[in-house]
């Protein structure tokens, strides 16, 4: 059973991911609108200079989403600074505080795994963690 503090950490990480997906959808919409109109731009500043209402609305939306994501990332950094497991995961090259918080909440108690190979970086991507939990290391029980 997950405790309330772990639940809040998990919700924080999931909320950050949700807003990032929203931002990605808005960016795709902008690209689609530009393609539909046959407009090519070099950067963000060029988009503002177009003064197209449908683009301007989406640019405002991305600014709002950016501010929300920044706020969530600040909360994640603060939470990560107070959690030893997250700090430990954050020492892995390529793992940022968001990823460390997400991994720590998704993995839960690592003592439940039968072998470290079940949660090592390559096997956690290639082999679902639940299989390791059920069957042990990837070289046994399959």
C-alpha atoms as a PDB file:
ATOM      1  CA  UNK A   1       0.000   0.000   0.000  1.00  0.00           C
ATOM      2  CA  UNK A   2       1.361   3.388  -0.996  1.00  0.00           C
ATOM      3  CA  UNK A   3       1.525   6.040   1.716  1.00  0.00           C
ATOM      4  CA  UNK A   4       0.137   9.566   1.348  1.00  0.00           C
ATOM      5  CA  UNK A   5       3.546  11.216   0.879  1.00  0.00           C
ATOM      6  CA  UNK A   6       4.513   8.791  -1.896  1.00  0.00           C
ATOM      7  CA  UNK A   7       1.110   9.334  -3.509  1.00  0.00           C
ATOM      8  CA  UNK A   8       1.671  13.102  -3.565  1.00  0.00           C
ATOM      9  CA  UNK A   9       5.117  12.652  -5.123  1.00  0.00           C
ATOM     10  CA  UNK A  10       3.668  10.372  -7.774  1.00  0.00           C
ATOM     11  CA  UNK A  11       0.867  12.839  -8.540  1.00  0.00           C
ATOM     12  CA  UNK A  12       3.388  15.677  -8.813  1.00  0.00           C
ATOM     13  CA  UNK A  13       5.504  13.727 -11.308  1.00  0.00           C
ATOM     14  CA  UNK A  14       2.440  12.656 -13.293  1.00  0.00           C
ATOM     15  CA  UNK A  15       1.069  16.196 -13.390  1.00  0.00           C
ATOM     16  CA  UNK A  16       4.393  17.486 -14.751  1.00  0.00           C
ATOM     17  CA  UNK A  17       4.272  14.818 -17.478  1.00  0.00           C
ATOM     18  CA  UNK A  18       0.648  15.702 -18.313  1.00  0.00           C
ATOM     19  CA  UNK A  19       1.461  19.389 -18.861  1.00  0.00           C
ATOM     20  CA  UNK A  20       4.500  18.490 -20.973  1.00  0.00           C
ATOM     21  CA  UNK A  21       2.248  16.355 -23.211  1.00  0.00           C
ATOM     22  CA  UNK A  22      -0.227  19.246 -23.501  1.00  0.00           C
ATOM     23  CA  UNK A  23       2.586  21.570 -24.542  1.00  0.00           C
ATOM     24  CA  UNK A  24       3.763  19.064 -27.153  1.00  0.00           C
ATOM     25  CA  UNK A  25       0.221  18.868 -28.597  1.00  0.00           C
ATOM     26  CA  UNK A  26       0.015  22.665 -28.859  1.00  0.00           C
ATOM     27  CA  UNK A  27       3.358  22.773 -30.661  1.00  0.00           C
ATOM     28  CA  UNK A  28       2.115  20.144 -33.119  1.00  0.00           C
ATOM     29  CA  UNK A  29      -1.024  22.232 -33.686  1.00  0.00           C
ATOM     30  CA  UNK A  30       1.110  25.295 -34.454  1.00  0.00           C
ATOM     31  CA  UNK A  31       3.213  23.318 -36.927  1.00  0.00           C
ATOM     32  CA  UNK A  32       0.058  21.967 -38.579  1.00  0.00           C
ATOM     33  CA  UNK A  33      -1.437  25.469 -38.890  1.00  0.00           C
ATOM     34  CA  UNK A  34       1.777  26.766 -40.442  1.00  0.00           C
ATOM     35  CA  UNK A  35       1.951  23.861 -42.871  1.00  0.00           C
ATOM     36  CA  UNK A  36      -1.700  24.305 -43.850  1.00  0.00           C
ATOM     37  CA  UNK A  37      -1.032  27.956 -44.702  1.00  0.00           C
ATOM     38  CA  UNK A  38       2.284  27.183 -46.410  1.00  0.00           C
ATOM     39  CA  UNK A  39       4.244  29.377 -43.982  1.00  0.00           C
ATOM     40  CA  UNK A  40       7.860  28.650 -43.075  1.00  0.00           C
ATOM     41  CA  UNK A  41       9.421  30.284 -40.019  1.00  0.00           C
ATOM     42  CA  UNK A  42      12.884  30.107 -38.522  1.00  0.00           C
ATOM     43  CA  UNK A  43      12.094  30.641 -34.865  1.00  0.00           C
ATOM     44  CA  UNK A  44       9.692  31.616 -32.105  1.00  0.00           C
ATOM     45  CA  UNK A  45      10.105  35.340 -32.781  1.00  0.00           C
ATOM     46  CA  UNK A  46       9.004  34.842 -36.384  1.00  0.00           C
ATOM     47  CA  UNK A  47       5.782  33.252 -35.130  1.00  0.00           C
ATOM     48  CA  UNK A  48       4.937  36.332 -33.082  1.00  0.00           C
ATOM     49  CA  UNK A  49       5.493  38.585 -36.068  1.00  0.00           C
ATOM     50  CA  UNK A  50       2.891  36.712 -38.140  1.00  0.00           C
ATOM     51  CA  UNK A  51       0.018  38.188 -36.068  1.00  0.00           C
ATOM     52  CA  UNK A  52      -2.287  35.294 -36.894  1.00  0.00           C
ATOM     53  CA  UNK A  53      -4.997  34.897 -34.217  1.00  0.00           C
ATOM     54  CA  UNK A  54      -4.916  31.085 -34.207  1.00  0.00           C
ATOM     55  CA  UNK A  55      -1.127  31.078 -33.814  1.00  0.00           C
ATOM     56  CA  UNK A  56      -1.161  33.881 -31.222  1.00  0.00           C
ATOM     57  CA  UNK A  57      -3.667  31.982 -29.062  1.00  0.00           C
ATOM     58  CA  UNK A  58      -1.507  28.876 -29.123  1.00  0.00           C
ATOM     59  CA  UNK A  59       1.602  30.909 -28.333  1.00  0.00           C
ATOM     60  CA  UNK A  60      -0.187  32.319 -25.278  1.00  0.00           C
ATOM     61  CA  UNK A  61      -1.153  28.784 -24.329  1.00  0.00           C
ATOM     62  CA  UNK A  62       2.466  27.589 -24.585  1.00  0.00           C
ATOM     63  CA  UNK A  63       3.582  30.504 -22.390  1.00  0.00           C
ATOM     64  CA  UNK A  64       1.001  29.515 -19.785  1.00  0.00           C
ATOM     65  CA  UNK A  65       2.002  25.855 -20.022  1.00  0.00           C
ATOM     66  CA  UNK A  66       5.676  26.822 -19.682  1.00  0.00           C
ATOM     67  CA  UNK A  67       4.942  28.770 -16.500  1.00  0.00           C
ATOM     68  CA  UNK A  68       2.974  25.847 -15.048  1.00  0.00           C
ATOM     69  CA  UNK A  69       5.750  23.393 -15.984  1.00  0.00           C
ATOM     70  CA  UNK A  70       8.347  25.702 -14.396  1.00  0.00           C
ATOM     71  CA  UNK A  71       6.257  25.852 -11.207  1.00  0.00           C
ATOM     72  CA  UNK A  72       5.927  22.062 -11.130  1.00  0.00           C
ATOM     73  CA  UNK A  73       9.638  21.571 -11.798  1.00  0.00           C
ATOM     74  CA  UNK A  74      10.431  23.909  -8.918  1.00  0.00           C
ATOM     75  CA  UNK A  75       8.197  21.832  -6.646  1.00  0.00           C
ATOM     76  CA  UNK A  76       9.880  18.664  -7.943  1.00  0.00           C
ATOM     77  CA  UNK A  77      13.369  20.053  -7.229  1.00  0.00           C
ATOM     78  CA  UNK A  78      12.248  20.993  -3.715  1.00  0.00           C
ATOM     79  CA  UNK A  79      10.739  17.557  -3.134  1.00  0.00           C
ATOM     80  CA  UNK A  80      13.807  15.845  -4.594  1.00  0.00           C
ATOM     81  CA  UNK A  81      16.108  17.806  -2.278  1.00  0.00           C
ATOM     82  CA  UNK A  82      14.276  16.353   0.738  1.00  0.00           C
ATOM     83  CA  UNK A  83      14.132  12.708  -0.415  1.00  0.00           C
ATOM     84  CA  UNK A  84      17.238  10.517  -0.084  1.00  0.00           C
ATOM     85  CA  UNK A  85      16.069   7.964  -2.661  1.00  0.00           C
ATOM     86  CA  UNK A  86      15.449  10.689  -5.222  1.00  0.00           C
ATOM     87  CA  UNK A  87      18.847  12.259  -4.474  1.00  0.00           C
ATOM     88  CA  UNK A  88      20.499   8.887  -5.035  1.00  0.00           C
ATOM     89  CA  UNK A  89      18.706   8.339  -8.361  1.00  0.00           C
ATOM     90  CA  UNK A  90      19.580  11.897  -9.384  1.00  0.00           C
ATOM     91  CA  UNK A  91      23.281  10.966  -9.265  1.00  0.00           C
ATOM     92  CA  UNK A  92      22.834   8.653 -12.265  1.00  0.00           C
ATOM     93  CA  UNK A  93      24.055  10.415 -15.426  1.00  0.00           C
ATOM     94  CA  UNK A  94      21.109  11.501 -17.571  1.00  0.00           C
ATOM     95  CA  UNK A  95      18.591  11.343 -14.725  1.00  0.00           C
ATOM     96  CA  UNK A  96      17.171  14.749 -13.806  1.00  0.00           C
ATOM     97  CA  UNK A  97      15.186  15.486 -10.615  1.00  0.00           C
ATOM     98  CA  UNK A  98      11.891  14.894 -12.458  1.00  0.00           C
ATOM     99  CA  UNK A  99      13.018  11.490 -13.740  1.00  0.00           C
ATOM    100  CA  UNK A 100      14.472  10.570 -10.350  1.00  0.00           C
ATOM    101  CA  UNK A 101      11.227  11.465  -8.565  1.00  0.00           C
ATOM    102  CA  UNK A 102       9.169   9.580 -11.143  1.00  0.00           C
ATOM    103  CA  UNK A 103      11.364   6.483 -10.926  1.00  0.00           C
ATOM    104  CA  UNK A 104      11.401   6.489  -7.135  1.00  0.00           C
ATOM    105  CA  UNK A 105       7.611   6.659  -6.974  1.00  0.00           C
ATOM    106  CA  UNK A 106       7.108   4.017  -9.666  1.00  0.00           C
ATOM    107  CA  UNK A 107       9.666   1.566  -8.274  1.00  0.00           C
ATOM    108  CA  UNK A 108       8.513   1.888  -4.688  1.00  0.00           C
ATOM    109  CA  UNK A 109      10.443  -0.363  -2.307  1.00  0.00           C
ATOM    110  CA  UNK A 110      13.352  -1.758  -4.316  1.00  0.00           C
ATOM    111  CA  UNK A 111      13.856  -4.490  -1.708  1.00  0.00           C
ATOM    112  CA  UNK A 112      10.928  -6.376  -3.235  1.00  0.00           C
ATOM    113  CA  UNK A 113      12.951  -7.255  -6.346  1.00  0.00           C
ATOM    114  CA  UNK A 114      14.773 -10.576  -6.343  1.00  0.00           C
ATOM    115  CA  UNK A 115      17.871  -9.282  -8.154  1.00  0.00           C
ATOM    116  CA  UNK A 116      19.448  -5.959  -9.049  1.00  0.00           C
ATOM    117  CA  UNK A 117      19.309  -6.954 -12.735  1.00  0.00           C
ATOM    118  CA  UNK A 118      15.545  -6.489 -12.522  1.00  0.00           C
ATOM    119  CA  UNK A 119      15.908  -2.766 -11.999  1.00  0.00           C
ATOM    120  CA  UNK A 120      19.187  -1.988 -13.747  1.00  0.00           C
ATOM    121  CA  UNK A 121      18.899   0.623 -16.483  1.00  0.00           C
ATOM    122  CA  UNK A 122      18.843  -1.578 -19.639  1.00  0.00           C
ATOM    123  CA  UNK A 123      16.659  -4.312 -18.208  1.00  0.00           C
ATOM    124  CA  UNK A 124      14.118  -1.863 -16.811  1.00  0.00           C
ATOM    125  CA  UNK A 125      13.601  -0.586 -20.338  1.00  0.00           C
ATOM    126  CA  UNK A 126      13.775  -3.857 -22.233  1.00  0.00           C
ATOM    127  CA  UNK A 127      12.116  -6.110 -19.707  1.00  0.00           C
ATOM    128  CA  UNK A 128       8.980  -5.002 -17.863  1.00  0.00           C
ATOM    129  CA  UNK A 129       9.607  -4.657 -14.155  1.00  0.00           C
ATOM    130  CA  UNK A 130       6.558  -6.731 -13.273  1.00  0.00           C
ATOM    131  CA  UNK A 131       8.119  -9.725 -15.020  1.00  0.00           C
ATOM    132  CA  UNK A 132      11.194  -9.436 -12.834  1.00  0.00           C
ATOM    133  CA  UNK A 133       8.977  -9.123  -9.818  1.00  0.00           C
ATOM    134  CA  UNK A 134       7.102 -12.284 -10.776  1.00  0.00           C
ATOM    135  CA  UNK A 135       9.865 -14.402 -12.289  1.00  0.00           C
ATOM    136  CA  UNK A 136      13.145 -13.092 -10.923  1.00  0.00           C
ATOM    137  CA  UNK A 137      16.118 -12.011 -13.064  1.00  0.00           C
ATOM    138  CA  UNK A 138      15.726 -12.020 -16.818  1.00  0.00           C
ATOM    139  CA  UNK A 139      17.794 -15.202 -17.215  1.00  0.00           C
ATOM    140  CA  UNK A 140      15.517 -17.330 -14.999  1.00  0.00           C
ATOM    141  CA  UNK A 141      11.938 -18.559 -15.154  1.00  0.00           C
ATOM    142  CA  UNK A 142      10.955 -17.476 -18.682  1.00  0.00           C
END
